[in-house]
């Protein structure tokens, strides 16, 4: 009975150890997400503002990719903006394309946002 318990405990420990080692050596990108709640009655203007910002970003040579998802249930209009990074340091990196479109963001997107997490 003790031998069976020892084998079982060793197998469980081995399974958890493999999972921990795999997670630490994973070279996948880091997922960055932002939850954006749009003010009531501002959904159409927000969508148009995001389209204008994206067009400006691409015109200025922007290379970052992102996805935007609209929550279909619950109160308020909530969008999830997600993108990938290779390293944490990319969060602090300056992006000339984003800076060139900052006024577009302020005038056409930001004013329609209630809160952002």
C-alpha atoms as a PDB file:
ATOM      1  CA  UNK A   1       0.000   0.000   0.000  1.00  0.00           C
ATOM      2  CA  UNK A   2       2.850   2.390   0.869  1.00  0.00           C
ATOM      3  CA  UNK A   3       4.562   1.605  -2.423  1.00  0.00           C
ATOM      4  CA  UNK A   4       1.385   2.364  -4.375  1.00  0.00           C
ATOM      5  CA  UNK A   5       0.934   5.670  -2.518  1.00  0.00           C
ATOM      6  CA  UNK A   6       4.593   6.570  -3.163  1.00  0.00           C
ATOM      7  CA  UNK A   7       4.231   5.864  -6.907  1.00  0.00           C
ATOM      8  CA  UNK A   8       0.994   7.889  -7.060  1.00  0.00           C
ATOM      9  CA  UNK A   9       2.543  10.879  -5.240  1.00  0.00           C
ATOM     10  CA  UNK A  10       5.640  10.740  -7.440  1.00  0.00           C
ATOM     11  CA  UNK A  11       3.503  10.721 -10.599  1.00  0.00           C
ATOM     12  CA  UNK A  12       1.481  13.738  -9.391  1.00  0.00           C
ATOM     13  CA  UNK A  13       4.661  15.620  -8.480  1.00  0.00           C
ATOM     14  CA  UNK A  14       6.180  14.832 -11.890  1.00  0.00           C
ATOM     15  CA  UNK A  15       3.089  16.121 -13.710  1.00  0.00           C
ATOM     16  CA  UNK A  16       3.145  19.434 -11.811  1.00  0.00           C
ATOM     17  CA  UNK A  17       6.909  19.810 -12.239  1.00  0.00           C
ATOM     18  CA  UNK A  18       6.657  19.388 -16.003  1.00  0.00           C
ATOM     19  CA  UNK A  19       3.916  22.034 -16.145  1.00  0.00           C
ATOM     20  CA  UNK A  20       5.970  24.513 -14.124  1.00  0.00           C
ATOM     21  CA  UNK A  21       9.106  23.970 -16.186  1.00  0.00           C
ATOM     22  CA  UNK A  22       7.181  24.336 -19.443  1.00  0.00           C
ATOM     23  CA  UNK A  23       5.522  27.563 -18.304  1.00  0.00           C
ATOM     24  CA  UNK A  24       8.858  29.112 -17.339  1.00  0.00           C
ATOM     25  CA  UNK A  25      10.549  28.341 -20.660  1.00  0.00           C
ATOM     26  CA  UNK A  26       7.668  29.374 -22.893  1.00  0.00           C
ATOM     27  CA  UNK A  27       8.802  31.832 -25.584  1.00  0.00           C
ATOM     28  CA  UNK A  28       5.304  32.913 -26.620  1.00  0.00           C
ATOM     29  CA  UNK A  29       4.323  36.546 -26.852  1.00  0.00           C
ATOM     30  CA  UNK A  30       2.698  38.476 -23.998  1.00  0.00           C
ATOM     31  CA  UNK A  31      -0.994  39.238 -24.418  1.00  0.00           C
ATOM     32  CA  UNK A  32      -1.922  42.825 -23.555  1.00  0.00           C
ATOM     33  CA  UNK A  33      -5.630  43.624 -23.095  1.00  0.00           C
ATOM     34  CA  UNK A  34      -7.543  46.822 -22.346  1.00  0.00           C
ATOM     35  CA  UNK A  35     -11.221  46.969 -21.408  1.00  0.00           C
ATOM     36  CA  UNK A  36     -12.906  50.102 -22.762  1.00  0.00           C
ATOM     37  CA  UNK A  37     -16.385  51.172 -21.618  1.00  0.00           C
ATOM     38  CA  UNK A  38     -18.033  53.614 -24.037  1.00  0.00           C
ATOM     39  CA  UNK A  39     -20.317  56.376 -22.753  1.00  0.00           C
ATOM     40  CA  UNK A  40     -24.049  55.752 -23.258  1.00  0.00           C
ATOM     41  CA  UNK A  41     -25.183  57.051 -26.654  1.00  0.00           C
ATOM     42  CA  UNK A  42     -21.611  57.416 -27.977  1.00  0.00           C
ATOM     43  CA  UNK A  43     -21.137  53.983 -29.575  1.00  0.00           C
ATOM     44  CA  UNK A  44     -21.397  55.088 -33.236  1.00  0.00           C
ATOM     45  CA  UNK A  45     -19.050  58.032 -32.673  1.00  0.00           C
ATOM     46  CA  UNK A  46     -16.574  55.778 -30.854  1.00  0.00           C
ATOM     47  CA  UNK A  47     -16.529  53.279 -33.737  1.00  0.00           C
ATOM     48  CA  UNK A  48     -15.970  56.057 -36.292  1.00  0.00           C
ATOM     49  CA  UNK A  49     -13.209  57.529 -34.121  1.00  0.00           C
ATOM     50  CA  UNK A  50     -11.425  54.180 -33.911  1.00  0.00           C
ATOM     51  CA  UNK A  51     -11.642  53.858 -37.709  1.00  0.00           C
ATOM     52  CA  UNK A  52     -10.144  57.348 -38.114  1.00  0.00           C
ATOM     53  CA  UNK A  53      -7.350  56.541 -35.659  1.00  0.00           C
ATOM     54  CA  UNK A  54      -6.545  53.270 -37.422  1.00  0.00           C
ATOM     55  CA  UNK A  55      -6.442  55.003 -40.821  1.00  0.00           C
ATOM     56  CA  UNK A  56      -4.109  57.681 -39.410  1.00  0.00           C
ATOM     57  CA  UNK A  57      -1.940  55.017 -37.757  1.00  0.00           C
ATOM     58  CA  UNK A  58      -1.524  53.066 -40.990  1.00  0.00           C
ATOM     59  CA  UNK A  59      -0.852  56.252 -43.016  1.00  0.00           C
ATOM     60  CA  UNK A  60       1.986  57.082 -40.616  1.00  0.00           C
ATOM     61  CA  UNK A  61       3.632  53.685 -41.054  1.00  0.00           C
ATOM     62  CA  UNK A  62       2.268  51.946 -37.943  1.00  0.00           C
ATOM     63  CA  UNK A  63       3.259  48.280 -37.752  1.00  0.00           C
ATOM     64  CA  UNK A  64       1.635  47.034 -34.532  1.00  0.00           C
ATOM     65  CA  UNK A  65      -1.367  44.756 -34.869  1.00  0.00           C
ATOM     66  CA  UNK A  66      -4.313  44.657 -32.500  1.00  0.00           C
ATOM     67  CA  UNK A  67      -7.816  43.236 -32.303  1.00  0.00           C
ATOM     68  CA  UNK A  68     -10.932  44.831 -30.925  1.00  0.00           C
ATOM     69  CA  UNK A  69     -13.838  42.798 -29.552  1.00  0.00           C
ATOM     70  CA  UNK A  70     -17.288  44.102 -28.608  1.00  0.00           C
ATOM     71  CA  UNK A  71     -18.963  42.478 -25.607  1.00  0.00           C
ATOM     72  CA  UNK A  72     -22.430  41.255 -26.578  1.00  0.00           C
ATOM     73  CA  UNK A  73     -24.032  40.958 -23.140  1.00  0.00           C
ATOM     74  CA  UNK A  74     -24.347  42.992 -19.972  1.00  0.00           C
ATOM     75  CA  UNK A  75     -24.765  46.681 -19.319  1.00  0.00           C
ATOM     76  CA  UNK A  76     -23.030  49.364 -21.379  1.00  0.00           C
ATOM     77  CA  UNK A  77     -20.939  49.044 -24.532  1.00  0.00           C
ATOM     78  CA  UNK A  78     -17.677  47.383 -23.594  1.00  0.00           C
ATOM     79  CA  UNK A  79     -14.833  46.716 -26.010  1.00  0.00           C
ATOM     80  CA  UNK A  80     -11.712  44.647 -25.458  1.00  0.00           C
ATOM     81  CA  UNK A  81      -8.587  45.856 -27.234  1.00  0.00           C
ATOM     82  CA  UNK A  82      -5.913  43.174 -27.400  1.00  0.00           C
ATOM     83  CA  UNK A  83      -2.465  42.816 -28.882  1.00  0.00           C
ATOM     84  CA  UNK A  84       0.733  40.851 -28.422  1.00  0.00           C
ATOM     85  CA  UNK A  85       4.212  41.916 -27.341  1.00  0.00           C
ATOM     86  CA  UNK A  86       7.452  39.983 -27.405  1.00  0.00           C
ATOM     87  CA  UNK A  87       8.822  41.605 -24.219  1.00  0.00           C
ATOM     88  CA  UNK A  88       7.515  43.683 -21.313  1.00  0.00           C
ATOM     89  CA  UNK A  89       9.869  46.488 -22.338  1.00  0.00           C
ATOM     90  CA  UNK A  90       7.720  47.119 -25.426  1.00  0.00           C
ATOM     91  CA  UNK A  91       5.131  48.767 -23.155  1.00  0.00           C
ATOM     92  CA  UNK A  92       7.549  51.657 -22.585  1.00  0.00           C
ATOM     93  CA  UNK A  93       8.751  51.936 -26.184  1.00  0.00           C
ATOM     94  CA  UNK A  94       7.823  55.086 -28.114  1.00  0.00           C
ATOM     95  CA  UNK A  95       5.793  54.543 -31.259  1.00  0.00           C
ATOM     96  CA  UNK A  96       6.120  57.437 -33.725  1.00  0.00           C
ATOM     97  CA  UNK A  97       2.948  56.422 -35.568  1.00  0.00           C
ATOM     98  CA  UNK A  98       0.867  56.530 -32.384  1.00  0.00           C
ATOM     99  CA  UNK A  99       2.333  59.900 -31.425  1.00  0.00           C
ATOM    100  CA  UNK A 100       1.529  61.292 -34.884  1.00  0.00           C
ATOM    101  CA  UNK A 101      -2.128  60.306 -34.403  1.00  0.00           C
ATOM    102  CA  UNK A 102      -2.487  61.417 -30.787  1.00  0.00           C
ATOM    103  CA  UNK A 103      -4.718  64.384 -31.656  1.00  0.00           C
ATOM    104  CA  UNK A 104      -6.985  62.096 -33.690  1.00  0.00           C
ATOM    105  CA  UNK A 105      -7.250  59.844 -30.642  1.00  0.00           C
ATOM    106  CA  UNK A 106      -8.069  62.769 -28.327  1.00  0.00           C
ATOM    107  CA  UNK A 107     -10.624  64.382 -30.629  1.00  0.00           C
ATOM    108  CA  UNK A 108     -12.376  61.315 -32.025  1.00  0.00           C
ATOM    109  CA  UNK A 109     -11.924  58.409 -29.588  1.00  0.00           C
ATOM    110  CA  UNK A 110     -11.045  59.518 -26.066  1.00  0.00           C
ATOM    111  CA  UNK A 111     -14.024  61.836 -25.594  1.00  0.00           C
ATOM    112  CA  UNK A 112     -16.393  58.855 -26.054  1.00  0.00           C
ATOM    113  CA  UNK A 113     -14.726  56.645 -23.433  1.00  0.00           C
ATOM    114  CA  UNK A 114     -16.334  56.425 -20.001  1.00  0.00           C
ATOM    115  CA  UNK A 115     -13.595  54.301 -18.406  1.00  0.00           C
ATOM    116  CA  UNK A 116     -10.670  52.155 -19.403  1.00  0.00           C
ATOM    117  CA  UNK A 117      -9.024  49.265 -17.539  1.00  0.00           C
END
